[in-house]
Amino acid sequence: MGLWQDAKNIQKKDPAATSMAQVMLLYPGFHALIFYRVSHWLYGKRRFFLARLVSQWGRGFTNIEIHPGATIGHSLFIDHGAGVVVGETAEVGNNVTIYHGVTLGGTGRGTGKRHPTIQDNVLLGAGVKVLGPVVVGQGSRVGANSTVLTDIPPSATAVGSPAVVVRENGVKDVASEALDQRDYPNIFQQRMDEMARRLEKLEAQLPAPKDDAEAKDA
């Protein structure tokens, strides 16, 4: 039931998927979930070596690395999948969409919970890095190539490196399969414009420069 639900979700979200057979036979994101479900079952039985062996087979076959210790809900859509990495203590909720190049990783420090928690209905754009035991709240979306180092609230949009929240408009901004990722605001341009306005304001407060004659009289 779990894998069938995963496959149906992929077909629903990807307009290029014309049939269930195509999803099951040709989609590396679906194949990665098969390897993950098997390796995670073995991990739960404390067959750690076999679990890692199966997960490494999956990595070689799909170019998607999911640690068998990770916790993943139903209806995960890994689009394209190349270069996706999911760490051991990562938690991924239901109906999450992940594009290629996404990393759910640690920071290289500590033990225990080291990897992110991605709640239900989240979308992570291509190249997103979510590092450490941070939480990306339900229904949020993170723009391509962003780096998330702190918690993202529910139903928010975050962009940038490090990522900052740029929208908190509730249901209006909940991630959906109809999302057009081009509508993310340009946070870098906004910051540059803000700096320019502040500089202009400060310059206006400075005294006018004296001409040469005034300078000699002084």
C-alpha atoms as a PDB file:
ATOM      1  CA  MET A   1       0.000   0.000   0.000  1.00  0.00           C
ATOM      2  CA  GLY A   2       2.803   2.414   0.914  1.00  0.00           C
ATOM      3  CA  LEU A   3       4.724   2.091  -2.351  1.00  0.00           C
ATOM      4  CA  TRP A   4       1.524   2.115  -4.396  1.00  0.00           C
ATOM      5  CA  GLN A   5       0.536   5.363  -2.678  1.00  0.00           C
ATOM      6  CA  ASP A   6       3.988   6.780  -3.380  1.00  0.00           C
ATOM      7  CA  ALA A   7       3.692   5.892  -7.055  1.00  0.00           C
ATOM      8  CA  LYS A   8       0.195   7.372  -7.395  1.00  0.00           C
ATOM      9  CA  ASN A   9       1.406  10.590  -5.778  1.00  0.00           C
ATOM     10  CA  ILE A  10       4.297  10.866  -8.250  1.00  0.00           C
ATOM     11  CA  GLN A  11       1.955  10.359 -11.185  1.00  0.00           C
ATOM     12  CA  LYS A  12      -0.401  12.996  -9.801  1.00  0.00           C
ATOM     13  CA  LYS A  13       2.300  15.619  -9.268  1.00  0.00           C
ATOM     14  CA  ASP A  14       4.438  15.110 -12.367  1.00  0.00           C
ATOM     15  CA  PRO A  15       2.741  16.093 -15.643  1.00  0.00           C
ATOM     16  CA  ALA A  16       5.395  14.097 -17.508  1.00  0.00           C
ATOM     17  CA  ALA A  17       4.249  10.844 -15.859  1.00  0.00           C
ATOM     18  CA  THR A  18       1.720   9.401 -18.281  1.00  0.00           C
ATOM     19  CA  SER A  19       1.126   6.068 -16.520  1.00  0.00           C
ATOM     20  CA  MET A  20       1.767   4.134 -13.321  1.00  0.00           C
ATOM     21  CA  ALA A  21       3.926   1.711 -15.277  1.00  0.00           C
ATOM     22  CA  GLN A  22       6.174   4.581 -16.319  1.00  0.00           C
ATOM     23  CA  VAL A  23       6.540   5.742 -12.717  1.00  0.00           C
ATOM     24  CA  MET A  24       7.316   2.274 -11.390  1.00  0.00           C
ATOM     25  CA  LEU A  25       9.768   1.313 -14.120  1.00  0.00           C
ATOM     26  CA  LEU A  26      11.498   4.571 -15.032  1.00  0.00           C
ATOM     27  CA  TYR A  27      11.474   6.970 -12.073  1.00  0.00           C
ATOM     28  CA  PRO A  28      14.608   6.921  -9.857  1.00  0.00           C
ATOM     29  CA  GLY A  29      12.718   8.755  -7.098  1.00  0.00           C
ATOM     30  CA  PHE A  30      10.323   5.827  -6.840  1.00  0.00           C
ATOM     31  CA  HIS A  31      13.125   3.255  -7.053  1.00  0.00           C
ATOM     32  CA  ALA A  32      14.919   5.066  -4.206  1.00  0.00           C
ATOM     33  CA  LEU A  33      11.820   4.659  -2.043  1.00  0.00           C
ATOM     34  CA  ILE A  34      11.773   0.916  -2.718  1.00  0.00           C
ATOM     35  CA  PHE A  35      15.374   0.584  -1.551  1.00  0.00           C
ATOM     36  CA  TYR A  36      14.633   2.843   1.416  1.00  0.00           C
ATOM     37  CA  ARG A  37      11.553   0.915   2.562  1.00  0.00           C
ATOM     38  CA  VAL A  38      13.523  -2.351   2.521  1.00  0.00           C
ATOM     39  CA  SER A  39      16.615  -0.908   4.205  1.00  0.00           C
ATOM     40  CA  HIS A  40      14.536   0.898   6.839  1.00  0.00           C
ATOM     41  CA  TRP A  41      12.755  -2.367   7.705  1.00  0.00           C
ATOM     42  CA  LEU A  42      16.125  -4.068   8.134  1.00  0.00           C
ATOM     43  CA  TYR A  43      17.355  -1.132  10.220  1.00  0.00           C
ATOM     44  CA  GLY A  44      14.353  -1.525  12.514  1.00  0.00           C
ATOM     45  CA  LYS A  45      15.283  -5.197  12.949  1.00  0.00           C
ATOM     46  CA  ARG A  46      18.824  -4.064  13.922  1.00  0.00           C
ATOM     47  CA  ARG A  47      20.287  -5.668  10.830  1.00  0.00           C
ATOM     48  CA  PHE A  48      22.460  -2.599  10.397  1.00  0.00           C
ATOM     49  CA  PHE A  49      24.988  -4.031   7.956  1.00  0.00           C
ATOM     50  CA  LEU A  50      22.329  -5.398   5.624  1.00  0.00           C
ATOM     51  CA  ALA A  51      20.376  -2.160   5.917  1.00  0.00           C
ATOM     52  CA  ARG A  52      23.375  -0.092   4.842  1.00  0.00           C
ATOM     53  CA  LEU A  53      24.177  -2.585   2.093  1.00  0.00           C
ATOM     54  CA  VAL A  54      20.699  -2.221   0.598  1.00  0.00           C
ATOM     55  CA  SER A  55      20.814   1.573   0.928  1.00  0.00           C
ATOM     56  CA  GLN A  56      24.182   1.669  -0.853  1.00  0.00           C
ATOM     57  CA  TRP A  57      22.777  -0.447  -3.665  1.00  0.00           C
ATOM     58  CA  GLY A  58      20.001   2.092  -3.910  1.00  0.00           C
ATOM     59  CA  ARG A  59      22.479   4.952  -4.004  1.00  0.00           C
ATOM     60  CA  GLY A  60      24.414   3.340  -6.828  1.00  0.00           C
ATOM     61  CA  PHE A  61      21.272   2.601  -8.800  1.00  0.00           C
ATOM     62  CA  THR A  62      19.471   5.938  -8.348  1.00  0.00           C
ATOM     63  CA  ASN A  63      22.077   8.533  -7.297  1.00  0.00           C
ATOM     64  CA  ILE A  64      19.824   9.204  -4.294  1.00  0.00           C
ATOM     65  CA  GLU A  65      21.241   8.476  -0.841  1.00  0.00           C
ATOM     66  CA  ILE A  66      18.734   7.861   1.953  1.00  0.00           C
ATOM     67  CA  HIS A  67      20.115   6.537   5.222  1.00  0.00           C
ATOM     68  CA  PRO A  68      18.080   3.544   6.424  1.00  0.00           C
ATOM     69  CA  GLY A  69      17.659   5.200   9.824  1.00  0.00           C
ATOM     70  CA  ALA A  70      15.764   8.156   8.372  1.00  0.00           C
ATOM     71  CA  THR A  71      12.005   8.349   8.940  1.00  0.00           C
ATOM     72  CA  ILE A  72       9.903   9.057   5.844  1.00  0.00           C
ATOM     73  CA  GLY A  73       6.129   9.326   5.618  1.00  0.00           C
ATOM     74  CA  HIS A  74       3.899   8.450   2.688  1.00  0.00           C
ATOM     75  CA  SER A  75       3.636  10.201  -0.681  1.00  0.00           C
ATOM     76  CA  LEU A  76       7.186  11.518  -0.897  1.00  0.00           C
ATOM     77  CA  PHE A  77       7.926  12.873  -4.386  1.00  0.00           C
ATOM     78  CA  ILE A  78      11.642  13.072  -5.240  1.00  0.00           C
ATOM     79  CA  ASP A  79      11.652  14.781  -8.632  1.00  0.00           C
ATOM     80  CA  HIS A  80      14.640  13.869 -10.860  1.00  0.00           C
ATOM     81  CA  GLY A  81      16.497  12.899  -7.697  1.00  0.00           C
ATOM     82  CA  ALA A  82      20.135  13.342  -8.735  1.00  0.00           C
ATOM     83  CA  GLY A  83      22.293  14.240  -5.767  1.00  0.00           C
ATOM     84  CA  VAL A  84      19.611  13.997  -3.068  1.00  0.00           C
ATOM     85  CA  VAL A  85      20.982  13.083   0.389  1.00  0.00           C
ATOM     86  CA  VAL A  86      18.881  12.293   3.484  1.00  0.00           C
ATOM     87  CA  GLY A  87      20.724  11.769   6.783  1.00  0.00           C
ATOM     88  CA  GLU A  88      20.255   9.149   9.469  1.00  0.00           C
ATOM     89  CA  THR A  89      18.112  11.120  11.931  1.00  0.00           C
ATOM     90  CA  ALA A  90      16.175  13.097   9.325  1.00  0.00           C
ATOM     91  CA  GLU A  91      12.383  13.010   9.569  1.00  0.00           C
ATOM     92  CA  VAL A  92      10.265  13.644   6.475  1.00  0.00           C
ATOM     93  CA  GLY A  93       6.500  13.959   6.780  1.00  0.00           C
ATOM     94  CA  ASN A  94       3.704  13.134   4.355  1.00  0.00           C
ATOM     95  CA  ASN A  95       3.207  14.601   0.886  1.00  0.00           C
ATOM     96  CA  VAL A  96       6.643  16.245   0.764  1.00  0.00           C
ATOM     97  CA  THR A  97       8.193  17.272  -2.564  1.00  0.00           C
ATOM     98  CA  ILE A  98      11.982  17.290  -2.970  1.00  0.00           C
ATOM     99  CA  TYR A  99      13.787  18.392  -6.115  1.00  0.00           C
ATOM    100  CA  HIS A 100      17.251  17.328  -7.237  1.00  0.00           C
ATOM    101  CA  GLY A 101      20.350  18.351  -5.315  1.00  0.00           C
ATOM    102  CA  VAL A 102      18.598  18.613  -1.951  1.00  0.00           C
ATOM    103  CA  THR A 103      20.533  17.720   1.216  1.00  0.00           C
ATOM    104  CA  LEU A 104      18.942  16.983   4.581  1.00  0.00           C
ATOM    105  CA  GLY A 105      22.213  16.862   6.448  1.00  0.00           C
ATOM    106  CA  GLY A 106      23.979  17.446   9.730  1.00  0.00           C
ATOM    107  CA  THR A 107      26.480  20.087  10.731  1.00  0.00           C
ATOM    108  CA  GLY A 108      29.253  17.671  11.646  1.00  0.00           C
ATOM    109  CA  ARG A 109      28.772  18.126  15.382  1.00  0.00           C
ATOM    110  CA  GLY A 110      27.096  16.277  18.206  1.00  0.00           C
ATOM    111  CA  THR A 111      25.211  13.026  18.467  1.00  0.00           C
ATOM    112  CA  GLY A 112      21.567  12.087  18.729  1.00  0.00           C
ATOM    113  CA  LYS A 113      19.167  14.152  16.611  1.00  0.00           C
ATOM    114  CA  ARG A 114      21.528  15.687  14.024  1.00  0.00           C
ATOM    115  CA  HIS A 115      19.380  16.096  10.938  1.00  0.00           C
ATOM    116  CA  PRO A 116      16.305  18.139   9.957  1.00  0.00           C
ATOM    117  CA  THR A 117      12.620  17.513  10.463  1.00  0.00           C
ATOM    118  CA  ILE A 118      10.541  18.264   7.367  1.00  0.00           C
ATOM    119  CA  GLN A 119       6.854  18.393   8.231  1.00  0.00           C
ATOM    120  CA  ASP A 120       3.890  17.548   5.994  1.00  0.00           C
ATOM    121  CA  ASN A 121       3.222  19.237   2.637  1.00  0.00           C
ATOM    122  CA  VAL A 122       6.617  20.949   2.389  1.00  0.00           C
ATOM    123  CA  LEU A 123       8.341  21.735  -0.910  1.00  0.00           C
ATOM    124  CA  LEU A 124      12.147  21.976  -1.119  1.00  0.00           C
ATOM    125  CA  GLY A 125      13.422  23.498  -4.365  1.00  0.00           C
ATOM    126  CA  ALA A 126      16.426  22.303  -6.346  1.00  0.00           C
ATOM    127  CA  GLY A 127      19.730  22.565  -4.517  1.00  0.00           C
ATOM    128  CA  VAL A 128      18.262  23.333  -1.090  1.00  0.00           C
ATOM    129  CA  LYS A 129      20.454  22.482   1.907  1.00  0.00           C
ATOM    130  CA  VAL A 130      18.747  21.976   5.277  1.00  0.00           C
ATOM    131  CA  LEU A 131      21.414  21.438   7.916  1.00  0.00           C
ATOM    132  CA  GLY A 132      21.183  20.421  11.553  1.00  0.00           C
ATOM    133  CA  PRO A 133      18.185  19.524  13.748  1.00  0.00           C
ATOM    134  CA  VAL A 134      16.016  22.340  12.424  1.00  0.00           C
ATOM    135  CA  VAL A 135      12.304  22.130  11.627  1.00  0.00           C
ATOM    136  CA  VAL A 136      10.714  23.178   8.358  1.00  0.00           C
ATOM    137  CA  GLY A 137       7.097  23.758   9.305  1.00  0.00           C
ATOM    138  CA  GLN A 138       4.050  22.214   7.703  1.00  0.00           C
ATOM    139  CA  GLY A 139       3.064  23.607   4.336  1.00  0.00           C
ATOM    140  CA  SER A 140       6.206  25.695   3.902  1.00  0.00           C
ATOM    141  CA  ARG A 141       8.355  25.994   0.809  1.00  0.00           C
ATOM    142  CA  VAL A 142      12.031  26.768   0.416  1.00  0.00           C
ATOM    143  CA  GLY A 143      13.376  28.380  -2.753  1.00  0.00           C
ATOM    144  CA  ALA A 144      16.035  26.804  -4.942  1.00  0.00           C
ATOM    145  CA  ASN A 145      19.658  26.903  -3.732  1.00  0.00           C
ATOM    146  CA  SER A 146      18.686  28.179  -0.275  1.00  0.00           C
ATOM    147  CA  THR A 147      20.519  27.071   2.870  1.00  0.00           C
ATOM    148  CA  VAL A 148      18.292  26.536   5.906  1.00  0.00           C
ATOM    149  CA  LEU A 149      20.075  26.786   9.254  1.00  0.00           C
ATOM    150  CA  THR A 150      17.180  27.833  11.516  1.00  0.00           C
ATOM    151  CA  ASP A 151      13.552  26.772  11.920  1.00  0.00           C
ATOM    152  CA  ILE A 152      11.045  27.783   9.240  1.00  0.00           C
ATOM    153  CA  PRO A 153       7.494  28.400  10.554  1.00  0.00           C
ATOM    154  CA  PRO A 154       4.460  26.657   9.053  1.00  0.00           C
ATOM    155  CA  SER A 155       2.950  27.972   5.806  1.00  0.00           C
ATOM    156  CA  ALA A 156       5.937  30.192   5.102  1.00  0.00           C
ATOM    157  CA  THR A 157       8.234  30.825   2.147  1.00  0.00           C
ATOM    158  CA  ALA A 158      11.985  31.062   2.768  1.00  0.00           C
ATOM    159  CA  VAL A 159      14.767  31.937   0.351  1.00  0.00           C
ATOM    160  CA  GLY A 160      18.435  32.854   0.445  1.00  0.00           C
ATOM    161  CA  SER A 161      21.651  31.590   1.958  1.00  0.00           C
ATOM    162  CA  PRO A 162      21.217  31.572   4.871  1.00  0.00           C
ATOM    163  CA  ALA A 163      17.489  31.332   4.237  1.00  0.00           C
ATOM    164  CA  VAL A 164      15.163  34.018   5.578  1.00  0.00           C
ATOM    165  CA  VAL A 165      11.374  33.948   5.712  1.00  0.00           C
ATOM    166  CA  VAL A 166       9.912  36.309   3.111  1.00  0.00           C
ATOM    167  CA  ARG A 167       6.254  35.334   3.256  1.00  0.00           C
ATOM    168  CA  GLU A 168       3.899  34.199   6.002  1.00  0.00           C
ATOM    169  CA  ASN A 169       0.529  34.429   4.330  1.00  0.00           C
ATOM    170  CA  GLY A 170      -1.052  31.232   5.603  1.00  0.00           C
ATOM    171  CA  VAL A 171      -2.935  29.077   3.164  1.00  0.00           C
ATOM    172  CA  LYS A 172      -2.070  31.289   0.199  1.00  0.00           C
ATOM    173  CA  ASP A 173       1.555  30.179   0.321  1.00  0.00           C
ATOM    174  CA  VAL A 174       1.100  26.490   1.184  1.00  0.00           C
ATOM    175  CA  ALA A 175       3.223  24.369  -1.185  1.00  0.00           C
ATOM    176  CA  SER A 176       1.217  22.658  -3.901  1.00  0.00           C
ATOM    177  CA  GLU A 177       1.848  20.741  -7.072  1.00  0.00           C
ATOM    178  CA  ALA A 178       0.825  23.865  -9.012  1.00  0.00           C
ATOM    179  CA  LEU A 179       3.726  25.891  -7.562  1.00  0.00           C
ATOM    180  CA  ASP A 180       5.629  28.025 -10.038  1.00  0.00           C
ATOM    181  CA  GLN A 181       9.046  28.468  -8.466  1.00  0.00           C
ATOM    182  CA  ARG A 182       9.707  31.629 -10.481  1.00  0.00           C
ATOM    183  CA  ASP A 183       7.437  33.612  -8.167  1.00  0.00           C
ATOM    184  CA  TYR A 184       9.925  33.638  -5.281  1.00  0.00           C
ATOM    185  CA  PRO A 185      10.959  37.171  -4.314  1.00  0.00           C
ATOM    186  CA  ASN A 186      14.564  38.185  -5.016  1.00  0.00           C
ATOM    187  CA  ILE A 187      15.756  38.581  -1.437  1.00  0.00           C
ATOM    188  CA  PHE A 188      19.246  39.643  -2.496  1.00  0.00           C
ATOM    189  CA  GLN A 189      17.917  42.444  -4.700  1.00  0.00           C
ATOM    190  CA  GLN A 190      15.612  43.541  -1.907  1.00  0.00           C
ATOM    191  CA  ARG A 191      18.562  43.778   0.484  1.00  0.00           C
ATOM    192  CA  MET A 192      20.623  45.749  -2.027  1.00  0.00           C
ATOM    193  CA  ASP A 193      17.731  48.151  -2.627  1.00  0.00           C
ATOM    194  CA  GLU A 194      17.279  48.601   1.126  1.00  0.00           C
ATOM    195  CA  MET A 195      21.000  49.342   1.575  1.00  0.00           C
ATOM    196  CA  ALA A 196      20.879  51.870  -1.277  1.00  0.00           C
ATOM    197  CA  ARG A 197      17.914  53.653   0.317  1.00  0.00           C
ATOM    198  CA  ARG A 198      19.640  53.789   3.701  1.00  0.00           C
ATOM    199  CA  LEU A 199      22.847  55.100   2.142  1.00  0.00           C
ATOM    200  CA  GLU A 200      20.928  57.773   0.258  1.00  0.00           C
ATOM    201  CA  LYS A 201      19.192  58.821   3.482  1.00  0.00           C
ATOM    202  CA  LEU A 202      22.489  59.045   5.351  1.00  0.00           C
ATOM    203  CA  GLU A 203      24.106  61.060   2.574  1.00  0.00           C
ATOM    204  CA  ALA A 204      21.206  63.516   2.677  1.00  0.00           C
ATOM    205  CA  GLN A 205      21.958  64.170   6.356  1.00  0.00           C
ATOM    206  CA  LEU A 206      25.582  65.149   5.706  1.00  0.00           C
ATOM    207  CA  PRO A 207      26.449  68.861   5.386  1.00  0.00           C
ATOM    208  CA  ALA A 208      26.915  70.095   1.854  1.00  0.00           C
ATOM    209  CA  PRO A 209      30.613  70.198   0.788  1.00  0.00           C
ATOM    210  CA  LYS A 210      32.255  73.644   0.795  1.00  0.00           C
ATOM    211  CA  ASP A 211      33.629  75.066  -2.443  1.00  0.00           C
ATOM    212  CA  ASP A 212      37.297  76.138  -2.766  1.00  0.00           C
ATOM    213  CA  ALA A 213      36.641  79.829  -1.926  1.00  0.00           C
ATOM    214  CA  GLU A 214      34.720  78.979   1.210  1.00  0.00           C
ATOM    215  CA  ALA A 215      37.456  76.567   2.237  1.00  0.00           C
ATOM    216  CA  LYS A 216      40.173  79.303   1.908  1.00  0.00           C
ATOM    217  CA  ASP A 217      38.107  81.853   3.908  1.00  0.00           C
ATOM    218  CA  ALA A 218      37.673  79.302   6.635  1.00  0.00           C
END
